[in-house]
Amino acid sequence: QVQLVESGGGLVQAGGSLRLSCAAFGSILSIRSINHMGWYRQAPGKQRELVASVARAGRTNYADSVAGRFIISRDGAKNTLYLQMNSLKPEDTAVYYCNADITWGQGTQVTVSS
């Protein structure tokens, strides 16, 4: 079974940058079995939405609202998923969750002030 631990959230001014990290813990077999990883976010009063994802083969997918500003990457050697967030906007404020197939992290708060 895989466990995910996110870090890197915080408060930033509009136009700034943050990098989120998601470390995967578990047996070698369970981690190597992960097919799909992604970042989701949920703002107050809104449904959780996909931000970006990366498949095992490396294919990435981004929500239209973050394309060109966010970059998702996966470091297999460190069992860690990253989300580099640039040109942040107040509407990016949300709790960001890491996902690996059916497993979710606890979430990390990102707040962008105007």
Protein backbone atom coordinates (compact mmCIF):
# COMPACT_ATOMS: atom_id res chain seq x y z
CA GLN A 1 0.00 0.00 0.00
CA VAL A 2 1.27 3.45 -0.92
CA GLN A 3 1.17 6.50 1.34
CA LEU A 4 1.54 10.03 0.00
CA VAL A 5 2.88 13.02 1.90
CA GLU A 6 2.58 16.49 0.39
CA SER A 7 4.62 19.56 1.27
CA GLY A 8 5.42 22.98 -0.11
CA GLY A 9 2.16 24.84 0.26
CA GLY A 10 1.93 28.30 1.77
CA LEU A 11 1.04 31.93 1.25
CA VAL A 12 2.34 33.79 -1.79
CA GLN A 13 1.54 37.03 -3.55
CA ALA A 14 -0.04 37.05 -6.98
CA GLY A 15 2.59 36.55 -9.65
CA GLY A 16 4.77 34.50 -7.35
CA SER A 17 5.80 30.86 -7.47
CA LEU A 18 5.57 27.78 -5.29
CA ARG A 19 6.70 24.18 -5.71
CA LEU A 20 4.67 21.37 -4.23
CA SER A 21 6.20 17.99 -3.48
CA CYS A 22 4.52 14.63 -2.94
CA ALA A 23 6.64 11.83 -1.54
CA ALA A 24 5.42 8.26 -1.99
CA PHE A 25 6.14 5.70 0.72
CA GLY A 26 5.57 1.98 0.57
CA SER A 27 7.05 -1.22 -0.70
CA ILE A 28 9.16 -1.15 -3.85
CA LEU A 29 6.56 -3.25 -5.63
CA SER A 30 3.67 -0.99 -4.68
CA ILE A 31 5.51 2.17 -5.75
CA ARG A 32 6.65 0.65 -9.04
CA SER A 33 3.05 -0.41 -9.68
CA ILE A 34 1.80 3.17 -9.73
CA ASN A 35 0.45 3.96 -13.18
CA HIS A 36 -0.85 7.45 -12.89
CA MET A 37 -0.05 10.36 -10.59
CA GLY A 38 -1.58 13.77 -10.42
CA TRP A 39 -2.36 16.93 -8.53
CA TYR A 40 -5.90 17.97 -7.78
CA ARG A 41 -7.23 21.00 -5.95
CA GLN A 42 -10.36 21.96 -4.08
CA ALA A 43 -11.37 25.53 -3.34
CA PRO A 44 -13.99 26.36 -0.69
CA GLY A 45 -17.47 25.57 -1.95
CA LYS A 46 -16.18 23.95 -5.13
CA GLN A 47 -15.64 20.41 -6.32
CA ARG A 48 -12.21 18.84 -6.44
CA GLU A 49 -10.69 19.30 -9.87
CA LEU A 50 -7.73 17.93 -11.76
CA VAL A 51 -4.80 20.34 -12.04
CA ALA A 52 -2.20 18.19 -13.76
CA SER A 53 -1.33 14.55 -14.20
CA VAL A 54 1.48 12.37 -15.46
CA ALA A 55 1.31 8.78 -16.62
CA ARG A 56 4.03 6.20 -16.02
CA ALA A 57 5.23 6.62 -19.60
CA GLY A 58 5.61 10.34 -18.97
CA ARG A 59 2.63 11.78 -20.81
CA THR A 60 1.35 14.89 -19.03
CA ASN A 61 -2.04 16.53 -18.94
CA TYR A 62 -2.99 19.99 -17.64
CA ALA A 63 -6.18 21.81 -16.84
CA ASP A 64 -6.73 24.72 -19.22
CA SER A 65 -6.62 27.13 -16.29
CA VAL A 66 -3.02 26.24 -15.41
CA ALA A 67 -1.51 25.24 -18.77
CA GLY A 68 1.59 27.31 -19.46
CA ARG A 69 1.96 28.29 -15.80
CA PHE A 70 2.28 24.97 -13.93
CA ILE A 71 4.67 22.11 -14.60
CA ILE A 72 4.23 18.59 -13.26
CA SER A 73 7.20 16.26 -12.97
CA ARG A 74 7.98 12.89 -11.47
CA ASP A 75 11.33 11.80 -10.03
CA GLY A 76 11.39 8.02 -10.00
CA ALA A 77 14.64 7.81 -8.08
CA LYS A 78 13.19 9.85 -5.20
CA ASN A 79 9.64 8.48 -5.50
CA THR A 80 8.45 12.07 -5.55
CA LEU A 81 5.97 14.03 -7.62
CA TYR A 82 6.34 17.77 -8.06
CA LEU A 83 4.16 20.65 -9.15
CA GLN A 84 5.98 23.84 -10.06
CA MET A 85 3.46 26.67 -9.95
CA ASN A 86 4.40 29.97 -11.59
CA SER A 87 2.53 33.22 -12.19
CA LEU A 88 0.12 32.33 -9.42
CA LYS A 89 -3.28 33.97 -9.33
CA PRO A 90 -5.74 34.45 -6.44
CA GLU A 91 -8.04 31.93 -8.14
CA ASP A 92 -5.35 29.28 -7.66
CA THR A 93 -6.08 29.40 -3.92
CA ALA A 94 -7.15 25.92 -2.80
CA VAL A 95 -6.12 22.79 -0.96
CA TYR A 96 -3.92 20.80 -3.30
CA TYR A 97 -4.02 17.01 -3.16
CA CYS A 98 -1.59 14.49 -4.53
CA ASN A 99 -3.03 11.37 -6.12
CA ALA A 100 -1.49 8.04 -7.13
CA ASP A 101 -4.06 5.75 -8.77
CA ILE A 102 -6.55 5.25 -5.89
CA THR A 103 -4.45 6.77 -3.11
CA TRP A 104 -4.72 10.36 -1.90
CA GLY A 105 -2.48 12.56 0.20
CA GLN A 106 -3.71 14.68 3.08
CA GLY A 107 -3.59 17.93 1.11
CA THR A 108 -1.58 21.13 1.40
CA GLN A 109 -3.01 24.65 1.46
CA VAL A 110 -2.00 27.15 -1.19
CA THR A 111 -3.13 30.74 -0.70
CA VAL A 112 -2.46 33.44 -3.27
CA SER A 113 -3.03 37.01 -2.14
CA SER A 114 -3.92 39.79 -4.56
